[in-house]
Amino acid sequence: MKKTLLSLSIIFTMSINAQDCSELFISEYIEGPGNNNAIEIYNPTNNPIDLSGYSINRYGNGATSSPDVWPLSGVLNTGEAIAIGNGQVDSIWVSSYWSLPVDPSFYAACGINGSGVYPTPFYFNGDDAMTLEKGGNIVDIFGKVGEDPGNAWTDDASSGYTDANGGTWWTKRQTLVRKSSVKSGVTQNPILFNPASEYDSLPDATYSAMGTHTCECTPILSIGNTVVSYVMYPNPTNRGQTVSINSKENITFLEVYNILGEKIVTEKSSNISTKNLLRGNYLIKIYFENGTTVTNKLIVE
């Protein structure tokens, strides 16, 4: 009987995790004071990954469908991590209370700041499941989709890691960093979500580790590789919105081309206003200070 149970355990473990070091995964989770919330993603592979088609999603309060979605665009280089966080910079009146802005130190630690307009996935709290998805397929899950654990998932195995019996909160007012031994994401909804099994807990409001990650995958960047990691968001975007490009490498200027290949906009910044663009597809040419140039598709809806 012991051999049978062991075999079933191995099959289950293999079925819920992707192949090691082959795909992006969530490397850090921050649920801090107020709206200081962020999800960090990491590229453990030996190749740059095009982020087009990936998204971060929030399934709130036990929901199983219709998540809040934040589409990603750009390139994440091998061995690099980027934290995407709430970008609310002003107090906002919401129904019956003031929603407070994020802390400046948190805002500065994020590689990407969301719009700060509710709802986005980055208004999550300790009882929301978060996913990294590609083309509608789950790449990684934090939490358990469809389960409302109460205030947070906890360390209490007797309650299925919910807070039904008053266990210690692990997913509310916590910074959690994926263990270096974890080499892949969880691709199928877990039967139980025990945050301590794959994450280490740091004190509340710890932002110093954002934007870097240590992993046993040890991806190798080939000599002479000039790929630059960057993220362009929101993309697709609504006409009138401002599109931003974030990168660790300084951006000197941007060019916008229409589908005929005609240059229609030049911006000496990392932002593009779409108020004068018609709905349709465009190409954005990004010039970096180190001499690298990349081109990314922009969709204006």
Protein backbone atom coordinates (compact mmCIF):
# COMPACT_ATOMS: atom_id res chain seq x y z
CA MET A 1 0.00 0.00 0.00
CA LYS A 2 2.83 2.39 0.80
CA LYS A 3 4.29 1.90 -2.68
CA THR A 4 0.92 2.66 -4.29
CA LEU A 5 0.48 5.87 -2.29
CA LEU A 6 4.00 6.97 -3.15
CA SER A 7 3.38 6.40 -6.85
CA LEU A 8 0.16 8.43 -6.74
CA SER A 9 1.95 11.22 -4.91
CA ILE A 10 4.67 11.39 -7.55
CA ILE A 11 2.13 11.43 -10.40
CA PHE A 12 0.20 14.26 -8.75
CA THR A 13 3.31 16.34 -8.15
CA MET A 14 4.41 15.97 -11.76
CA SER A 15 0.98 16.84 -13.10
CA ILE A 16 0.66 20.20 -11.38
CA ASN A 17 4.12 21.57 -12.16
CA ALA A 18 5.63 22.57 -15.48
CA GLN A 19 8.94 21.19 -16.68
CA ASP A 20 11.80 22.65 -14.66
CA CYS A 21 13.45 25.86 -15.90
CA SER A 22 11.32 25.97 -19.05
CA GLU A 23 8.79 28.75 -18.38
CA LEU A 24 8.18 31.98 -16.48
CA PHE A 25 6.91 31.67 -12.93
CA ILE A 26 5.87 33.88 -9.99
CA SER A 27 8.95 34.59 -7.90
CA GLU A 28 7.64 37.05 -5.30
CA TYR A 29 4.30 38.08 -3.78
CA ILE A 30 3.87 41.34 -1.88
CA GLU A 31 0.66 42.12 0.03
CA GLY A 32 1.71 45.14 2.04
CA PRO A 33 0.18 48.04 3.92
CA GLY A 34 -2.72 49.76 2.15
CA ASN A 35 -2.52 49.09 -1.59
CA ASN A 36 1.18 48.14 -1.68
CA ASN A 37 0.63 44.96 -3.69
CA ALA A 38 2.84 43.42 -6.37
CA ILE A 39 3.58 40.20 -8.22
CA GLU A 40 7.10 39.49 -9.47
CA ILE A 41 7.78 37.16 -12.40
CA TYR A 42 11.09 35.46 -13.22
CA ASN A 43 12.61 34.00 -16.38
CA PRO A 44 14.52 30.80 -15.42
CA THR A 45 15.25 29.78 -19.02
CA ASN A 46 18.33 30.26 -21.18
CA ASN A 47 16.43 32.44 -23.65
CA PRO A 48 14.71 35.84 -23.58
CA ILE A 49 10.92 35.48 -23.39
CA ASP A 50 8.48 37.64 -25.33
CA LEU A 51 5.81 38.69 -22.83
CA SER A 52 3.13 39.27 -25.46
CA GLY A 53 0.22 36.98 -24.67
CA TYR A 54 1.08 36.70 -20.96
CA SER A 55 -1.11 38.27 -18.29
CA ILE A 56 -1.45 38.55 -14.53
CA ASN A 57 -4.92 37.74 -13.26
CA ARG A 58 -6.82 38.06 -9.99
CA TYR A 59 -9.61 35.68 -9.01
CA GLY A 60 -11.13 37.51 -6.06
CA ASN A 61 -12.91 36.02 -3.05
CA GLY A 62 -13.24 32.48 -4.38
CA ALA A 63 -14.17 33.37 -7.97
CA THR A 64 -13.56 30.81 -10.70
CA SER A 65 -14.15 33.02 -13.76
CA SER A 66 -14.07 36.61 -15.05
CA PRO A 67 -10.79 37.60 -13.36
CA ASP A 68 -9.27 41.07 -13.39
CA VAL A 69 -6.59 40.90 -16.10
CA TRP A 70 -3.36 42.85 -16.68
CA PRO A 71 -1.82 42.01 -20.09
CA LEU A 72 1.97 42.08 -20.42
CA SER A 73 4.11 43.09 -23.38
CA GLY A 74 7.84 43.34 -23.94
CA VAL A 75 10.78 41.00 -23.31
CA LEU A 76 12.13 39.48 -20.10
CA ASN A 77 15.73 38.43 -20.44
CA THR A 78 17.17 35.18 -19.16
CA GLY A 79 17.75 35.13 -15.41
CA GLU A 80 15.91 38.40 -14.82
CA ALA A 81 12.89 39.23 -12.68
CA ILE A 82 10.45 42.12 -12.83
CA ALA A 83 7.91 43.19 -10.21
CA ILE A 84 4.55 44.54 -11.40
CA GLY A 85 2.72 46.51 -8.72
CA ASN A 86 -0.16 48.81 -7.93
CA GLY A 87 0.41 52.27 -9.38
CA GLN A 88 -2.12 54.32 -7.39
CA VAL A 89 -0.40 57.64 -6.59
CA ASP A 90 -3.40 59.69 -5.38
CA SER A 91 -6.15 59.17 -2.82
CA ILE A 92 -9.36 58.00 -4.51
CA TRP A 93 -12.89 58.09 -3.08
CA VAL A 94 -14.45 54.67 -3.52
CA SER A 95 -18.12 54.48 -2.58
CA SER A 96 -17.76 55.09 1.16
CA TYR A 97 -14.03 55.37 1.88
CA TRP A 98 -10.76 56.85 0.67
CA SER A 99 -8.47 54.42 -1.15
CA LEU A 100 -4.95 55.52 -0.22
CA PRO A 101 -1.97 55.81 -2.58
CA VAL A 102 0.92 53.36 -2.44
CA ASP A 103 4.07 54.27 -0.52
CA PRO A 104 6.78 56.04 -2.57
CA SER A 105 9.35 53.42 -1.55
CA PHE A 106 7.10 50.63 -2.82
CA TYR A 107 6.33 52.50 -6.05
CA ALA A 108 10.05 52.99 -6.73
CA ALA A 109 10.82 49.30 -6.08
CA CYS A 110 8.37 48.12 -8.76
CA GLY A 111 9.73 47.51 -12.23
CA ILE A 112 6.26 48.23 -13.60
CA ASN A 113 3.48 50.24 -12.00
CA GLY A 114 -0.10 49.45 -12.94
CA SER A 115 -2.65 52.09 -13.78
CA GLY A 116 -3.81 52.53 -10.18
CA VAL A 117 -7.40 52.58 -11.40
CA TYR A 118 -9.67 49.97 -9.81
CA PRO A 119 -10.22 47.24 -10.83
CA THR A 120 -6.82 45.88 -11.79
CA PRO A 121 -5.29 42.62 -10.50
CA PHE A 122 -3.06 44.63 -8.15
CA TYR A 123 -5.88 45.45 -5.75
CA PHE A 124 -5.62 41.89 -4.45
CA ASN A 125 -5.60 41.01 -0.78
CA GLY A 126 -4.79 37.89 1.19
CA ASP A 127 -7.80 35.85 0.07
CA ASP A 128 -7.44 36.28 -3.71
CA ALA A 129 -5.88 33.72 -6.03
CA MET A 130 -3.36 35.16 -8.50
CA THR A 131 -2.33 33.53 -11.76
CA LEU A 132 0.25 34.05 -14.47
CA GLU A 133 -1.34 32.98 -17.74
CA LYS A 134 -0.32 32.73 -21.38
CA GLY A 135 -2.98 32.67 -24.07
CA GLY A 136 -5.58 31.66 -21.49
CA ASN A 137 -3.46 28.77 -20.19
CA ILE A 138 -2.21 28.82 -16.61
CA VAL A 139 1.56 29.11 -16.26
CA ASP A 140 1.60 29.53 -12.48
CA ILE A 141 -0.89 29.89 -9.61
CA PHE A 142 -0.53 31.60 -6.25
CA GLY A 143 -3.33 30.44 -3.96
CA LYS A 144 -6.20 28.23 -5.01
CA VAL A 145 -8.67 29.44 -7.63
CA GLY A 146 -12.23 29.00 -6.40
CA GLU A 147 -11.37 28.94 -2.69
CA ASP A 148 -12.04 31.80 -0.28
CA PRO A 149 -9.79 30.99 2.69
CA GLY A 150 -11.21 33.75 4.90
CA ASN A 151 -8.79 36.60 5.46
CA ALA A 152 -5.79 34.68 4.17
CA TRP A 153 -4.19 31.31 3.53
CA THR A 154 -2.32 30.21 6.65
CA ASP A 155 0.06 27.66 8.16
CA ASP A 156 -2.80 25.64 9.67
CA ALA A 157 -2.98 22.20 8.02
CA SER A 158 -5.98 21.21 10.16
CA SER A 159 -8.16 23.75 8.31
CA GLY A 160 -6.76 23.04 4.84
CA TYR A 161 -4.48 26.10 5.23
CA THR A 162 -7.47 28.48 5.46
CA ASP A 163 -7.92 30.73 8.48
CA ALA A 164 -11.01 28.86 9.73
CA ASN A 165 -9.19 27.82 12.92
CA GLY A 166 -7.20 31.01 13.38
CA GLY A 167 -3.89 29.98 11.84
CA THR A 168 -1.09 32.47 11.18
CA TRP A 169 -1.77 34.56 8.07
CA TRP A 170 0.74 33.88 5.31
CA THR A 171 -0.80 35.75 2.37
CA LYS A 172 -1.95 39.00 4.02
CA ARG A 173 0.50 41.71 5.12
CA GLN A 174 3.38 39.53 3.98
CA THR A 175 6.24 39.56 1.50
CA LEU A 176 6.76 36.02 0.17
CA VAL A 177 9.78 35.01 -1.93
CA ARG A 178 9.78 31.76 -3.94
CA LYS A 179 12.32 29.30 -2.60
CA SER A 180 15.46 29.00 -4.74
CA SER A 181 14.77 25.26 -5.09
CA VAL A 182 11.53 25.96 -6.99
CA LYS A 183 12.21 25.71 -10.73
CA SER A 184 8.71 25.85 -12.23
CA GLY A 185 5.21 27.14 -11.71
CA VAL A 186 2.05 25.35 -10.56
CA THR A 187 0.01 24.77 -13.70
CA GLN A 188 -3.06 23.04 -12.24
CA ASN A 189 -5.24 24.26 -9.40
CA PRO A 190 -3.92 22.66 -6.18
CA ILE A 191 -6.09 20.52 -3.90
CA LEU A 192 -4.62 22.45 -0.96
CA PHE A 193 -2.53 25.63 -1.05
CA ASN A 194 0.18 25.63 1.59
CA PRO A 195 2.16 28.85 0.99
CA ALA A 196 5.04 27.71 3.20
CA SER A 197 5.81 24.77 0.92
CA GLU A 198 7.27 26.92 -1.87
CA TYR A 199 7.69 30.40 -0.35
CA ASP A 200 9.83 32.00 2.34
CA SER A 201 8.24 34.76 4.42
CA LEU A 202 9.87 38.16 4.88
CA PRO A 203 8.64 40.89 7.25
CA ASP A 204 5.69 43.02 6.16
CA ALA A 205 6.58 45.93 3.85
CA THR A 206 9.92 44.41 2.75
CA TYR A 207 10.62 45.63 -0.77
CA SER A 208 14.40 45.24 -1.02
CA ALA A 209 14.27 41.94 -2.95
CA MET A 210 11.91 43.18 -5.67
CA GLY A 211 13.36 42.93 -9.18
CA THR A 212 15.86 40.15 -8.47
CA HIS A 213 15.51 36.44 -7.78
CA THR A 214 17.80 33.55 -6.87
CA CYS A 215 16.97 30.21 -8.45
CA GLU A 216 18.76 26.87 -8.84
CA CYS A 217 17.98 26.93 -12.56
CA THR A 218 21.06 29.17 -13.00
CA PRO A 219 20.25 30.29 -16.57
CA ILE A 220 23.26 31.10 -18.74
CA LEU A 221 23.40 34.34 -20.72
CA SER A 222 25.47 33.76 -23.83
CA ILE A 223 28.51 35.96 -24.36
CA GLY A 224 27.75 38.95 -26.52
CA ASN A 225 24.00 38.74 -25.91
CA THR A 226 22.61 42.28 -26.19
CA VAL A 227 18.95 41.49 -25.48
CA VAL A 228 17.40 44.10 -23.19
CA SER A 229 14.53 43.28 -20.84
CA TYR A 230 11.61 45.68 -21.03
CA VAL A 231 7.87 45.75 -20.55
CA MET A 232 5.36 47.88 -22.46
CA TYR A 233 1.96 48.48 -20.89
CA PRO A 234 -0.94 48.67 -21.19
CA ASN A 235 -0.93 46.79 -24.49
CA PRO A 236 -3.52 46.45 -25.98
CA THR A 237 -4.54 49.94 -24.87
CA ASN A 238 -7.58 52.16 -25.23
CA ARG A 239 -7.30 55.24 -27.39
CA GLY A 240 -6.34 58.22 -25.25
CA GLN A 241 -4.31 56.25 -22.74
CA THR A 242 -0.59 56.69 -22.17
CA VAL A 243 1.58 53.65 -22.91
CA SER A 244 4.76 53.27 -20.83
CA ILE A 245 7.93 51.27 -21.42
CA ASN A 246 9.92 50.16 -18.37
CA SER A 247 13.45 48.79 -18.49
CA LYS A 248 16.55 48.69 -16.34
CA GLU A 249 18.39 50.05 -19.38
CA ASN A 250 17.87 53.76 -20.05
CA ILE A 251 15.63 54.60 -23.01
CA THR A 252 16.79 57.45 -25.24
CA PHE A 253 13.73 57.78 -27.49
CA LEU A 254 10.78 55.99 -29.09
CA GLU A 255 9.36 55.95 -32.62
CA VAL A 256 5.84 54.97 -33.68
CA TYR A 257 5.19 53.54 -37.17
CA ASN A 258 1.84 52.86 -38.85
CA ILE A 259 1.07 49.66 -40.79
CA LEU A 260 2.47 51.26 -43.96
CA GLY A 261 5.86 51.63 -42.31
CA GLU A 262 5.56 55.42 -42.02
CA LYS A 263 7.06 57.06 -38.92
CA ILE A 264 4.31 59.16 -37.34
CA VAL A 265 5.58 59.91 -33.81
CA THR A 266 8.95 60.42 -32.12
CA GLU A 267 9.11 60.71 -28.33
CA LYS A 268 12.23 61.49 -26.31
CA SER A 269 10.83 59.67 -23.30
CA SER A 270 9.61 56.24 -22.22
CA ASN A 271 5.92 57.14 -22.63
CA ILE A 272 3.63 57.38 -25.64
CA SER A 273 0.29 59.21 -25.65
CA THR A 274 -2.29 57.55 -27.92
CA LYS A 275 -4.74 60.45 -27.98
CA ASN A 276 -3.73 61.36 -31.54
CA LEU A 277 -3.57 57.76 -32.81
CA LEU A 278 -6.42 56.04 -34.61
CA ARG A 279 -7.60 52.62 -33.54
CA GLY A 280 -5.46 49.90 -35.09
CA ASN A 281 -2.02 48.28 -35.03
CA TYR A 282 1.30 50.10 -34.80
CA LEU A 283 4.99 49.29 -34.37
CA ILE A 284 6.98 50.89 -31.57
CA LYS A 285 10.74 51.16 -32.09
CA ILE A 286 12.61 51.55 -28.80
CA TYR A 287 16.14 52.95 -28.72
CA PHE A 288 18.20 52.15 -25.61
CA GLU A 289 21.21 54.02 -24.29
CA ASN A 290 23.47 50.98 -24.77
CA GLY A 291 22.82 51.05 -28.54
CA THR A 292 20.25 48.23 -28.59
CA THR A 293 17.09 48.76 -30.65
CA VAL A 294 13.93 46.65 -30.37
CA THR A 295 10.54 46.74 -32.09
CA ASN A 296 7.23 45.87 -30.42
CA LYS A 297 3.67 45.74 -31.70
CA LEU A 298 1.15 48.17 -30.17
CA ILE A 299 -2.62 47.68 -30.41
CA VAL A 300 -4.89 50.70 -29.93
CA GLU A 301 -8.54 49.81 -29.38
